Amino acid sequence: MASNRGQGGIQQLLTAEQEAQHIVNAARSAKMARLKQAKDEAEREIAESRSQVELQFQKKVAASSGDSGANVKRLEHETEHKIDHLSSEASRISSDVVQMLLKQVTTVKV
């Protein structure tokens, strides 16, 4: 009878070990499934965030390129205005500058 009890105890231990192994395997499987789910969720959030940032960037590019033509025209107009102003100033004072240069060149200091 002692051997039957020993056999029964060993059998119970083997059964308990198998149950424990099933529980551990189930926990591992659940953990791996949760990790995969978390990874998928993170990838989805990253893709959404990336698309939103890209959309904002495209809006900014479109807005700035739309103004580009107007900026070019404005800069061209300002440049022409400044050139005209400098030309008129140069022609206005050129005779005075020539007179001053002639005076400096022809004056002898002793």
PDB file of N, CA and C in Angstrom:
ATOM      1  N   MET A   1       0.793  -1.186   0.000  1.00  0.00           N
ATOM      2  CA  MET A   1       0.000   0.000   0.000  1.00  0.00           C
ATOM      3  C   MET A   1       0.845   1.263   0.000  1.00  0.00           C
ATOM      4  N   ALA A   2       1.956   1.163   0.653  1.00  0.00           N
ATOM      5  CA  ALA A   2       2.864   2.297   0.689  1.00  0.00           C
ATOM      6  C   ALA A   2       3.347   2.621  -0.713  1.00  0.00           C
ATOM      7  N   SER A   3       3.561   1.570  -1.505  1.00  0.00           N
ATOM      8  CA  SER A   3       4.005   1.835  -2.872  1.00  0.00           C
ATOM      9  C   SER A   3       2.893   2.453  -3.693  1.00  0.00           C
ATOM     10  N   ASN A   4       1.617   2.078  -3.412  1.00  0.00           N
ATOM     11  CA  ASN A   4       0.488   2.695  -4.125  1.00  0.00           C
ATOM     12  C   ASN A   4       0.387   4.169  -3.771  1.00  0.00           C
ATOM     13  N   ARG A   5       0.617   4.471  -2.487  1.00  0.00           N
ATOM     14  CA  ARG A   5       0.570   5.876  -2.078  1.00  0.00           C
ATOM     15  C   ARG A   5       1.725   6.646  -2.725  1.00  0.00           C
ATOM     16  N   GLY A   6       2.878   6.032  -2.778  1.00  0.00           N
ATOM     17  CA  GLY A   6       4.036   6.673  -3.416  1.00  0.00           C
ATOM     18  C   GLY A   6       3.773   6.897  -4.888  1.00  0.00           C
ATOM     19  N   GLN A   7       3.181   5.887  -5.541  1.00  0.00           N
ATOM     20  CA  GLN A   7       2.840   6.020  -6.958  1.00  0.00           C
ATOM     21  C   GLN A   7       1.787   7.114  -7.147  1.00  0.00           C
ATOM     22  N   GLY A   8       0.800   7.145  -6.245  1.00  0.00           N
ATOM     23  CA  GLY A   8      -0.262   8.156  -6.320  1.00  0.00           C
ATOM     24  C   GLY A   8       0.300   9.549  -6.101  1.00  0.00           C
ATOM     25  N   GLY A   9       1.240   9.697  -5.159  1.00  0.00           N
ATOM     26  CA  GLY A   9       1.857  10.995  -4.879  1.00  0.00           C
ATOM     27  C   GLY A   9       2.688  11.477  -6.058  1.00  0.00           C
ATOM     28  N   ILE A  10       3.414  10.529  -6.645  1.00  0.00           N
ATOM     29  CA  ILE A  10       4.222  10.883  -7.820  1.00  0.00           C
ATOM     30  C   ILE A  10       3.317  11.295  -8.971  1.00  0.00           C
ATOM     31  N   GLN A  11       2.217  10.546  -9.133  1.00  0.00           N
ATOM     32  CA  GLN A  11       1.267  10.855 -10.198  1.00  0.00           C
ATOM     33  C   GLN A  11       0.656  12.229  -9.976  1.00  0.00           C
ATOM     34  N   GLN A  12       0.326  12.563  -8.726  1.00  0.00           N
ATOM     35  CA  GLN A  12      -0.236  13.880  -8.414  1.00  0.00           C
ATOM     36  C   GLN A  12       0.784  14.978  -8.728  1.00  0.00           C
ATOM     37  N   LEU A  13       2.044  14.739  -8.375  1.00  0.00           N
ATOM     38  CA  LEU A  13       3.086  15.726  -8.667  1.00  0.00           C
ATOM     39  C   LEU A  13       3.248  15.939 -10.167  1.00  0.00           C
ATOM     40  N   LEU A  14       3.232  14.839 -10.925  1.00  0.00           N
ATOM     41  CA  LEU A  14       3.343  14.952 -12.386  1.00  0.00           C
ATOM     42  C   LEU A  14       2.160  15.719 -12.963  1.00  0.00           C
ATOM     43  N   THR A  15       0.975  15.424 -12.455  1.00  0.00           N
ATOM     44  CA  THR A  15      -0.230  16.116 -12.923  1.00  0.00           C
ATOM     45  C   THR A  15      -0.151  17.597 -12.572  1.00  0.00           C
ATOM     46  N   ALA A  16       0.279  17.910 -11.355  1.00  0.00           N
ATOM     47  CA  ALA A  16       0.404  19.306 -10.923  1.00  0.00           C
ATOM     48  C   ALA A  16       1.461  20.023 -11.765  1.00  0.00           C
ATOM     49  N   GLU A  17       2.545  19.331 -12.060  1.00  0.00           N
ATOM     50  CA  GLU A  17       3.595  19.917 -12.889  1.00  0.00           C
ATOM     51  C   GLU A  17       3.076  20.220 -14.290  1.00  0.00           C
ATOM     52  N   GLN A  18       2.301  19.303 -14.856  1.00  0.00           N
ATOM     53  CA  GLN A  18       1.731  19.517 -16.182  1.00  0.00           C
ATOM     54  C   GLN A  18       0.754  20.686 -16.177  1.00  0.00           C
ATOM     55  N   GLU A  19      -0.064  20.765 -15.114  1.00  0.00           N
ATOM     56  CA  GLU A  19      -1.006  21.887 -15.013  1.00  0.00           C
ATOM     57  C   GLU A  19      -0.252  23.211 -14.899  1.00  0.00           C
ATOM     58  N   ALA A  20       0.803  23.191 -14.080  1.00  0.00           N
ATOM     59  CA  ALA A  20       1.610  24.404 -13.930  1.00  0.00           C
ATOM     60  C   ALA A  20       2.235  24.787 -15.274  1.00  0.00           C
ATOM     61  N   GLN A  21       2.720  23.807 -16.018  1.00  0.00           N
ATOM     62  CA  GLN A  21       3.312  24.078 -17.330  1.00  0.00           C
ATOM     63  C   GLN A  21       2.273  24.654 -18.284  1.00  0.00           C
ATOM     64  N   HIS A  22       1.036  24.137 -18.229  1.00  0.00           N
ATOM     65  CA  HIS A  22      -0.047  24.675 -19.073  1.00  0.00           C
ATOM     66  C   HIS A  22      -0.348  26.126 -18.682  1.00  0.00           C
ATOM     67  N   ILE A  23      -0.366  26.409 -17.387  1.00  0.00           N
ATOM     68  CA  ILE A  23      -0.634  27.775 -16.918  1.00  0.00           C
ATOM     69  C   ILE A  23       0.471  28.723 -17.383  1.00  0.00           C
ATOM     70  N   VAL A  24       1.733  28.286 -17.247  1.00  0.00           N
ATOM     71  CA  VAL A  24       2.868  29.104 -17.677  1.00  0.00           C
ATOM     72  C   VAL A  24       2.807  29.335 -19.186  1.00  0.00           C
ATOM     73  N   ASN A  25       2.510  28.298 -19.949  1.00  0.00           N
ATOM     74  CA  ASN A  25       2.403  28.438 -21.413  1.00  0.00           C
ATOM     75  C   ASN A  25       1.271  29.393 -21.799  1.00  0.00           C
ATOM     76  N   ALA A  26       0.137  29.276 -21.094  1.00  0.00           N
ATOM     77  CA  ALA A  26      -0.991  30.168 -21.371  1.00  0.00           C
ATOM     78  C   ALA A  26      -0.611  31.611 -21.050  1.00  0.00           C
ATOM     79  N   ALA A  27       0.104  31.813 -19.934  1.00  0.00           N
ATOM     80  CA  ALA A  27       0.536  33.169 -19.567  1.00  0.00           C
ATOM     81  C   ALA A  27       1.513  33.717 -20.600  1.00  0.00           C
ATOM     82  N   ARG A  28       2.441  32.886 -21.073  1.00  0.00           N
ATOM     83  CA  ARG A  28       3.387  33.321 -22.103  1.00  0.00           C
ATOM     84  C   ARG A  28       2.654  33.701 -23.383  1.00  0.00           C
ATOM     85  N   SER A  29       1.695  32.872 -23.756  1.00  0.00           N
ATOM     86  CA  SER A  29       0.921  33.155 -24.970  1.00  0.00           C
ATOM     87  C   SER A  29       0.149  34.460 -24.827  1.00  0.00           C
ATOM     88  N   ALA A  30      -0.455  34.672 -23.661  1.00  0.00           N
ATOM     89  CA  ALA A  30      -1.206  35.911 -23.424  1.00  0.00           C
ATOM     90  C   ALA A  30      -0.262  37.113 -23.457  1.00  0.00           C
ATOM     91  N   LYS A  31       0.917  36.943 -22.860  1.00  0.00           N
ATOM     92  CA  LYS A  31       1.899  38.030 -22.844  1.00  0.00           C
ATOM     93  C   LYS A  31       2.344  38.365 -24.266  1.00  0.00           C
ATOM     94  N   MET A  32       2.646  37.358 -25.060  1.00  0.00           N
ATOM     95  CA  MET A  32       3.075  37.585 -26.437  1.00  0.00           C
ATOM     96  C   MET A  32       1.961  38.238 -27.257  1.00  0.00           C
ATOM     97  N   ALA A  33       0.723  37.807 -27.037  1.00  0.00           N
ATOM     98  CA  ALA A  33      -0.401  38.403 -27.754  1.00  0.00           C
ATOM     99  C   ALA A  33      -0.551  39.875 -27.375  1.00  0.00           C
ATOM    100  N   ARG A  34      -0.417  40.184 -26.083  1.00  0.00           N
ATOM    101  CA  ARG A  34      -0.535  41.571 -25.624  1.00  0.00           C
ATOM    102  C   ARG A  34       0.608  42.431 -26.185  1.00  0.00           C
ATOM    103  N   LEU A  35       1.826  41.873 -26.215  1.00  0.00           N
ATOM    104  CA  LEU A  35       2.950  42.608 -26.786  1.00  0.00           C
ATOM    105  C   LEU A  35       2.717  42.903 -28.265  1.00  0.00           C
ATOM    106  N   LYS A  36       2.202  41.920 -28.986  1.00  0.00           N
ATOM    107  CA  LYS A  36       1.916  42.116 -30.413  1.00  0.00           C
ATOM    108  C   LYS A  36       0.831  43.172 -30.590  1.00  0.00           C
ATOM    109  N   GLN A  37      -0.199  43.117 -29.741  1.00  0.00           N
ATOM    110  CA  GLN A  37      -1.273  44.091 -29.816  1.00  0.00           C
ATOM    111  C   GLN A  37      -0.738  45.498 -29.514  1.00  0.00           C
ATOM    112  N   ALA A  38       0.106  45.611 -28.493  1.00  0.00           N
ATOM    113  CA  ALA A  38       0.679  46.911 -28.140  1.00  0.00           C
ATOM    114  C   ALA A  38       1.554  47.445 -29.278  1.00  0.00           C
ATOM    115  N   LYS A  39       2.323  46.565 -29.898  1.00  0.00           N
ATOM    116  CA  LYS A  39       3.165  46.974 -31.016  1.00  0.00           C
ATOM    117  C   LYS A  39       2.311  47.459 -32.184  1.00  0.00           C
ATOM    118  N   ASP A  40       1.245  46.734 -32.482  1.00  0.00           N
ATOM    119  CA  ASP A  40       0.357  47.141 -33.570  1.00  0.00           C
ATOM    120  C   ASP A  40      -0.288  48.493 -33.279  1.00  0.00           C
ATOM    121  N   GLU A  41      -0.729  48.688 -32.020  1.00  0.00           N
ATOM    122  CA  GLU A  41      -1.339  49.961 -31.643  1.00  0.00           C
ATOM    123  C   GLU A  41      -0.326  51.099 -31.774  1.00  0.00           C
ATOM    124  N   ALA A  42       0.895  50.855 -31.324  1.00  0.00           N
ATOM    125  CA  ALA A  42       1.943  51.888 -31.415  1.00  0.00           C
ATOM    126  C   ALA A  42       2.232  52.225 -32.871  1.00  0.00           C
ATOM    127  N   GLU A  43       2.340  51.227 -33.718  1.00  0.00           N
ATOM    128  CA  GLU A  43       2.599  51.473 -35.138  1.00  0.00           C
ATOM    129  C   GLU A  43       1.455  52.259 -35.773  1.00  0.00           C
ATOM    130  N   ARG A  44       0.227  51.942 -35.383  1.00  0.00           N
ATOM    131  CA  ARG A  44      -0.930  52.651 -35.913  1.00  0.00           C
ATOM    132  C   ARG A  44      -0.903  54.119 -35.456  1.00  0.00           C
ATOM    133  N   GLU A  45      -0.584  54.353 -34.173  1.00  0.00           N
ATOM    134  CA  GLU A  45      -0.514  55.716 -33.668  1.00  0.00           C
ATOM    135  C   GLU A  45       0.609  56.501 -34.348  1.00  0.00           C
ATOM    136  N   ILE A  46       1.731  55.838 -34.570  1.00  0.00           N
ATOM    137  CA  ILE A  46       2.849  56.496 -35.254  1.00  0.00           C
ATOM    138  C   ILE A  46       2.447  56.871 -36.674  1.00  0.00           C
ATOM    139  N   ALA A  47       1.764  55.960 -37.356  1.00  0.00           N
ATOM    140  CA  ALA A  47       1.335  56.245 -38.728  1.00  0.00           C
ATOM    141  C   ALA A  47       0.344  57.413 -38.761  1.00  0.00           C
ATOM    142  N   GLU A  48      -0.581  57.453 -37.804  1.00  0.00           N
ATOM    143  CA  GLU A  48      -1.546  58.556 -37.747  1.00  0.00           C
ATOM    144  C   GLU A  48      -0.831  59.877 -37.468  1.00  0.00           C
ATOM    145  N   SER A  49       0.086  59.844 -36.514  1.00  0.00           N
ATOM    146  CA  SER A  49       0.832  61.058 -36.164  1.00  0.00           C
ATOM    147  C   SER A  49       1.663  61.537 -37.346  1.00  0.00           C
ATOM    148  N   ARG A  50       2.316  60.603 -38.012  1.00  0.00           N
ATOM    149  CA  ARG A  50       3.132  60.952 -39.171  1.00  0.00           C
ATOM    150  C   ARG A  50       2.270  61.568 -40.266  1.00  0.00           C
ATOM    151  N   SER A  51       1.086  61.008 -40.498  1.00  0.00           N
ATOM    152  CA  SER A  51       0.225  61.555 -41.550  1.00  0.00           C
ATOM    153  C   SER A  51      -0.276  62.951 -41.176  1.00  0.00           C
ATOM    154  N   GLN A  52      -0.564  63.186 -39.889  1.00  0.00           N
ATOM    155  CA  GLN A  52      -0.996  64.517 -39.466  1.00  0.00           C
ATOM    156  C   GLN A  52       0.127  65.536 -39.633  1.00  0.00           C
ATOM    157  N   VAL A  53       1.333  65.167 -39.235  1.00  0.00           N
ATOM    158  CA  VAL A  53       2.475  66.068 -39.372  1.00  0.00           C
ATOM    159  C   VAL A  53       2.741  66.340 -40.854  1.00  0.00           C
ATOM    160  N   GLU A  54       2.667  65.326 -41.675  1.00  0.00           N
ATOM    161  CA  GLU A  54       2.883  65.492 -43.111  1.00  0.00           C
ATOM    162  C   GLU A  54       1.819  66.417 -43.709  1.00  0.00           C
ATOM    163  N   LEU A  55       0.566  66.252 -43.268  1.00  0.00           N
ATOM    164  CA  LEU A  55      -0.513  67.105 -43.759  1.00  0.00           C
ATOM    165  C   LEU A  55      -0.269  68.559 -43.365  1.00  0.00           C
ATOM    166  N   GLN A  56       0.138  68.798 -42.117  1.00  0.00           N
ATOM    167  CA  GLN A  56       0.441  70.160 -41.675  1.00  0.00           C
ATOM    168  C   GLN A  56       1.594  70.736 -42.483  1.00  0.00           C
ATOM    169  N   PHE A  57       2.610  69.924 -42.716  1.00  0.00           N
ATOM    170  CA  PHE A  57       3.758  70.371 -43.509  1.00  0.00           C
ATOM    171  C   PHE A  57       3.325  70.740 -44.917  1.00  0.00           C
ATOM    172  N   GLN A  58       2.506  69.900 -45.538  1.00  0.00           N
ATOM    173  CA  GLN A  58       2.047  70.171 -46.897  1.00  0.00           C
ATOM    174  C   GLN A  58       1.228  71.463 -46.944  1.00  0.00           C
ATOM    175  N   LYS A  59       0.408  71.700 -45.897  1.00  0.00           N
ATOM    176  CA  LYS A  59      -0.370  72.939 -45.843  1.00  0.00           C
ATOM    177  C   LYS A  59       0.561  74.151 -45.771  1.00  0.00           C
ATOM    178  N   LYS A  60       1.614  74.043 -44.934  1.00  0.00           N
ATOM    179  CA  LYS A  60       2.555  75.160 -44.801  1.00  0.00           C
ATOM    180  C   LYS A  60       3.298  75.394 -46.110  1.00  0.00           C
ATOM    181  N   VAL A  61       3.700  74.307 -46.767  1.00  0.00           N
ATOM    182  CA  VAL A  61       4.408  74.439 -48.045  1.00  0.00           C
ATOM    183  C   VAL A  61       3.493  75.082 -49.081  1.00  0.00           C
ATOM    184  N   ALA A  62       2.238  74.635 -49.110  1.00  0.00           N
ATOM    185  CA  ALA A  62       1.294  75.190 -50.081  1.00  0.00           C
ATOM    186  C   ALA A  62       1.049  76.668 -49.797  1.00  0.00           C
ATOM    187  N   ALA A  63       0.941  77.012 -48.521  1.00  0.00           N
ATOM    188  CA  ALA A  63       0.696  78.410 -48.161  1.00  0.00           C
ATOM    189  C   ALA A  63       1.895  79.279 -48.518  1.00  0.00           C
ATOM    190  N   SER A  64       3.092  78.790 -48.260  1.00  0.00           N
ATOM    191  CA  SER A  64       4.275  79.606 -48.544  1.00  0.00           C
ATOM    192  C   SER A  64       4.554  79.687 -50.037  1.00  0.00           C
ATOM    193  N   SER A  65       4.294  78.611 -50.758  1.00  0.00           N
ATOM    194  CA  SER A  65       4.536  78.667 -52.207  1.00  0.00           C
ATOM    195  C   SER A  65       3.492  79.524 -52.895  1.00  0.00           C
ATOM    196  N   GLY A  66       2.306  79.608 -52.328  1.00  0.00           N
ATOM    197  CA  GLY A  66       1.279  80.481 -52.891  1.00  0.00           C
ATOM    198  C   GLY A  66       1.673  81.940 -52.759  1.00  0.00           C
ATOM    199  N   ASP A  67       2.343  82.276 -51.669  1.00  0.00           N
ATOM    200  CA  ASP A  67       2.792  83.639 -51.442  1.00  0.00           C
ATOM    201  C   ASP A  67       4.090  83.933 -52.192  1.00  0.00           C
ATOM    202  N   SER A  68       4.743  82.918 -52.672  1.00  0.00           N
ATOM    203  CA  SER A  68       6.045  83.082 -53.301  1.00  0.00           C
ATOM    204  C   SER A  68       5.963  84.015 -54.503  1.00  0.00           C
ATOM    205  N   GLY A  69       4.985  83.847 -55.331  1.00  0.00           N
ATOM    206  CA  GLY A  69       4.830  84.707 -56.499  1.00  0.00           C
ATOM    207  C   GLY A  69       4.603  86.144 -56.104  1.00  0.00           C
ATOM    208  N   ALA A  70       3.786  86.353 -55.077  1.00  0.00           N
ATOM    209  CA  ALA A  70       3.523  87.710 -54.608  1.00  0.00           C
ATOM    210  C   ALA A  70       4.781  88.313 -53.999  1.00  0.00           C
ATOM    211  N   ASN A  71       5.543  87.495 -53.278  1.00  0.00           N
ATOM    212  CA  ASN A  71       6.788  87.990 -52.681  1.00  0.00           C
ATOM    213  C   ASN A  71       7.794  88.381 -53.750  1.00  0.00           C
ATOM    214  N   VAL A  72       7.892  87.590 -54.785  1.00  0.00           N
ATOM    215  CA  VAL A  72       8.830  87.896 -55.871  1.00  0.00           C
ATOM    216  C   VAL A  72       8.443  89.220 -56.525  1.00  0.00           C
ATOM    217  N   LYS A  73       7.174  89.407 -56.801  1.00  0.00           N
ATOM    218  CA  LYS A  73       6.726  90.651 -57.429  1.00  0.00           C
ATOM    219  C   LYS A  73       6.976  91.844 -56.512  1.00  0.00           C
ATOM    220  N   ARG A  74       6.709  91.663 -55.217  1.00  0.00           N
ATOM    221  CA  ARG A  74       6.927  92.744 -54.263  1.00  0.00           C
ATOM    222  C   ARG A  74       8.412  93.107 -54.200  1.00  0.00           C
ATOM    223  N   LEU A  75       9.271  92.081 -54.146  1.00  0.00           N
ATOM    224  CA  LEU A  75      10.715  92.338 -54.094  1.00  0.00           C
ATOM    225  C   LEU A  75      11.217  92.999 -55.366  1.00  0.00           C
ATOM    226  N   GLU A  76      10.712  92.579 -56.517  1.00  0.00           N
ATOM    227  CA  GLU A  76      11.101  93.210 -57.774  1.00  0.00           C
ATOM    228  C   GLU A  76      10.702  94.688 -57.787  1.00  0.00           C
ATOM    229  N   HIS A  77       9.498  94.959 -57.313  1.00  0.00           N
ATOM    230  CA  HIS A  77       9.018  96.349 -57.274  1.00  0.00           C
ATOM    231  C   HIS A  77       9.877  97.184 -56.326  1.00  0.00           C
ATOM    232  N   GLU A  78      10.172  96.647 -55.143  1.00  0.00           N
ATOM    233  CA  GLU A  78      11.015  97.376 -54.186  1.00  0.00           C
ATOM    234  C   GLU A  78      12.411  97.620 -54.753  1.00  0.00           C
ATOM    235  N   THR A  79      12.957  96.618 -55.424  1.00  0.00           N
ATOM    236  CA  THR A  79      14.289  96.760 -56.004  1.00  0.00           C
ATOM    237  C   THR A  79      14.307  97.843 -57.075  1.00  0.00           C
ATOM    238  N   GLU A  80      13.310  97.836 -57.952  1.00  0.00           N
ATOM    239  CA  GLU A  80      13.226  98.865 -58.990  1.00  0.00           C
ATOM    240  C   GLU A  80      13.103 100.250 -58.374  1.00  0.00           C
ATOM    241  N   HIS A  81      12.301 100.348 -57.332  1.00  0.00           N
ATOM    242  CA  HIS A  81      12.118 101.637 -56.662  1.00  0.00           C
ATOM    243  C   HIS A  81      13.441 102.120 -56.062  1.00  0.00           C
ATOM    244  N   LYS A  82      14.177 101.231 -55.422  1.00  0.00           N
ATOM    245  CA  LYS A  82      15.462 101.612 -54.825  1.00  0.00           C
ATOM    246  C   LYS A  82      16.477 101.992 -55.899  1.00  0.00           C
ATOM    247  N   ILE A  83      16.503 101.258 -57.012  1.00  0.00           N
ATOM    248  CA  ILE A  83      17.418 101.584 -58.112  1.00  0.00           C
ATOM    249  C   ILE A  83      17.086 102.964 -58.669  1.00  0.00           C
ATOM    250  N   ASP A  84      15.795 103.231 -58.871  1.00  0.00           N
ATOM    251  CA  ASP A  84      15.387 104.545 -59.385  1.00  0.00           C
ATOM    252  C   ASP A  84      15.796 105.649 -58.412  1.00  0.00           C
ATOM    253  N   HIS A  85      15.599 105.415 -57.122  1.00  0.00           N
ATOM    254  CA  HIS A  85      15.962 106.403 -56.108  1.00  0.00           C
ATOM    255  C   HIS A  85      17.469 106.665 -56.116  1.00  0.00           C
ATOM    256  N   LEU A  86      18.263 105.584 -56.170  1.00  0.00           N
ATOM    257  CA  LEU A  86      19.726 105.746 -56.192  1.00  0.00           C
ATOM    258  C   LEU A  86      20.182 106.459 -57.464  1.00  0.00           C
ATOM    259  N   SER A  87      19.575 106.135 -58.580  1.00  0.00           N
ATOM    260  CA  SER A  87      19.937 106.798 -59.849  1.00  0.00           C
ATOM    261  C   SER A  87      19.620 108.286 -59.784  1.00  0.00           C
ATOM    262  N   SER A  88      18.464 108.621 -59.264  1.00  0.00           N
ATOM    263  CA  SER A  88      18.109 110.047 -59.188  1.00  0.00           C
ATOM    264  C   SER A  88      19.016 110.789 -58.210  1.00  0.00           C
ATOM    265  N   GLU A  89      19.363 110.165 -57.105  1.00  0.00           N
ATOM    266  CA  GLU A  89      20.275 110.784 -56.143  1.00  0.00           C
ATOM    267  C   GLU A  89      21.669 110.958 -56.757  1.00  0.00           C
ATOM    268  N   ALA A  90      22.116 109.936 -57.475  1.00  0.00           N
ATOM    269  CA  ALA A  90      23.442 110.014 -58.106  1.00  0.00           C
ATOM    270  C   ALA A  90      23.480 111.134 -59.127  1.00  0.00           C
ATOM    271  N   SER A  91      22.449 111.247 -59.955  1.00  0.00           N
ATOM    272  CA  SER A  91      22.443 112.311 -60.958  1.00  0.00           C
ATOM    273  C   SER A  91      22.283 113.684 -60.294  1.00  0.00           C
ATOM    274  N   ARG A  92      21.604 113.737 -59.178  1.00  0.00           N
ATOM    275  CA  ARG A  92      21.413 115.008 -58.478  1.00  0.00           C
ATOM    276  C   ARG A  92      22.726 115.522 -57.889  1.00  0.00           C
ATOM    277  N   ILE A  93      23.533 114.620 -57.313  1.00  0.00           N
ATOM    278  CA  ILE A  93      24.748 115.080 -56.628  1.00  0.00           C
ATOM    279  C   ILE A  93      26.020 114.847 -57.440  1.00  0.00           C
ATOM    280  N   SER A  94      25.909 114.285 -58.625  1.00  0.00           N
ATOM    281  CA  SER A  94      27.117 113.979 -59.392  1.00  0.00           C
ATOM    282  C   SER A  94      27.931 115.225 -59.720  1.00  0.00           C
ATOM    283  N   SER A  95      27.269 116.319 -60.062  1.00  0.00           N
ATOM    284  CA  SER A  95      28.024 117.534 -60.393  1.00  0.00           C
ATOM    285  C   SER A  95      28.746 118.062 -59.156  1.00  0.00           C
ATOM    286  N   ASP A  96      28.115 117.964 -57.987  1.00  0.00           N
ATOM    287  CA  ASP A  96      28.774 118.407 -56.758  1.00  0.00           C
ATOM    288  C   ASP A  96      29.987 117.536 -56.451  1.00  0.00           C
ATOM    289  N   VAL A  97      29.868 116.231 -56.651  1.00  0.00           N
ATOM    290  CA  VAL A  97      30.977 115.313 -56.384  1.00  0.00           C
ATOM    291  C   VAL A  97      32.125 115.596 -57.344  1.00  0.00           C
ATOM    292  N   VAL A  98      31.813 115.832 -58.604  1.00  0.00           N
ATOM    293  CA  VAL A  98      32.854 116.126 -59.596  1.00  0.00           C
ATOM    294  C   VAL A  98      33.567 117.413 -59.207  1.00  0.00           C
ATOM    295  N   GLN A  99      32.823 118.436 -58.814  1.00  0.00           N
ATOM    296  CA  GLN A  99      33.431 119.706 -58.406  1.00  0.00           C
ATOM    297  C   GLN A  99      34.327 119.516 -57.190  1.00  0.00           C
ATOM    298  N   MET A 100      33.895 118.732 -56.220  1.00  0.00           N
ATOM    299  CA  MET A 100      34.679 118.495 -55.024  1.00  0.00           C
ATOM    300  C   MET A 100      35.956 117.740 -55.366  1.00  0.00           C
ATOM    301  N   LEU A 101      35.873 116.747 -56.229  1.00  0.00           N
ATOM    302  CA  LEU A 101      37.058 115.996 -56.634  1.00  0.00           C
ATOM    303  C   LEU A 101      38.055 116.889 -57.374  1.00  0.00           C
ATOM    304  N   LEU A 102      37.555 117.715 -58.308  1.00  0.00           N
ATOM    305  CA  LEU A 102      38.421 118.628 -59.038  1.00  0.00           C
ATOM    306  C   LEU A 102      39.113 119.601 -58.101  1.00  0.00           C
ATOM    307  N   LYS A 103      38.392 120.062 -57.135  1.00  0.00           N
ATOM    308  CA  LYS A 103      38.967 121.005 -56.172  1.00  0.00           C
ATOM    309  C   LYS A 103      40.071 120.320 -55.379  1.00  0.00           C
ATOM    310  N   GLN A 104      39.843 119.084 -54.951  1.00  0.00           N
ATOM    311  CA  GLN A 104      40.859 118.365 -54.179  1.00  0.00           C
ATOM    312  C   GLN A 104      42.088 118.057 -55.026  1.00  0.00           C
ATOM    313  N   VAL A 105      41.884 117.724 -56.268  1.00  0.00           N
ATOM    314  CA  VAL A 105      42.987 117.356 -57.133  1.00  0.00           C
ATOM    315  C   VAL A 105      43.803 118.599 -57.522  1.00  0.00           C
ATOM    316  N   THR A 106      43.130 119.675 -57.771  1.00  0.00           N
ATOM    317  CA  THR A 106      43.827 120.870 -58.259  1.00  0.00           C
ATOM    318  C   THR A 106      44.371 121.747 -57.147  1.00  0.00           C
ATOM    319  N   THR A 107      43.999 121.532 -55.945  1.00  0.00           N
ATOM    320  CA  THR A 107      44.486 122.338 -54.845  1.00  0.00           C
ATOM    321  C   THR A 107      45.816 121.793 -54.373  1.00  0.00           C
ATOM    322  N   VAL A 108      46.798 122.697 -54.274  1.00  0.00           N
ATOM    323  CA  VAL A 108      48.135 122.307 -53.836  1.00  0.00           C
ATOM    324  C   VAL A 108      48.303 122.805 -52.423  1.00  0.00           C
ATOM    325  N   LYS A 109      48.694 121.891 -51.562  1.00  0.00           N
ATOM    326  CA  LYS A 109      48.939 122.262 -50.163  1.00  0.00           C
ATOM    327  C   LYS A 109      50.452 122.432 -49.975  1.00  0.00           C
ATOM    328  N   VAL A 110      50.810 123.479 -49.349  1.00  0.00           N
ATOM    329  CA  VAL A 110      52.222 123.746 -49.148  1.00  0.00           C
ATOM    330  C   VAL A 110      52.630 123.417 -47.747  1.00  0.00           C
TER     331      VAL A 110
END
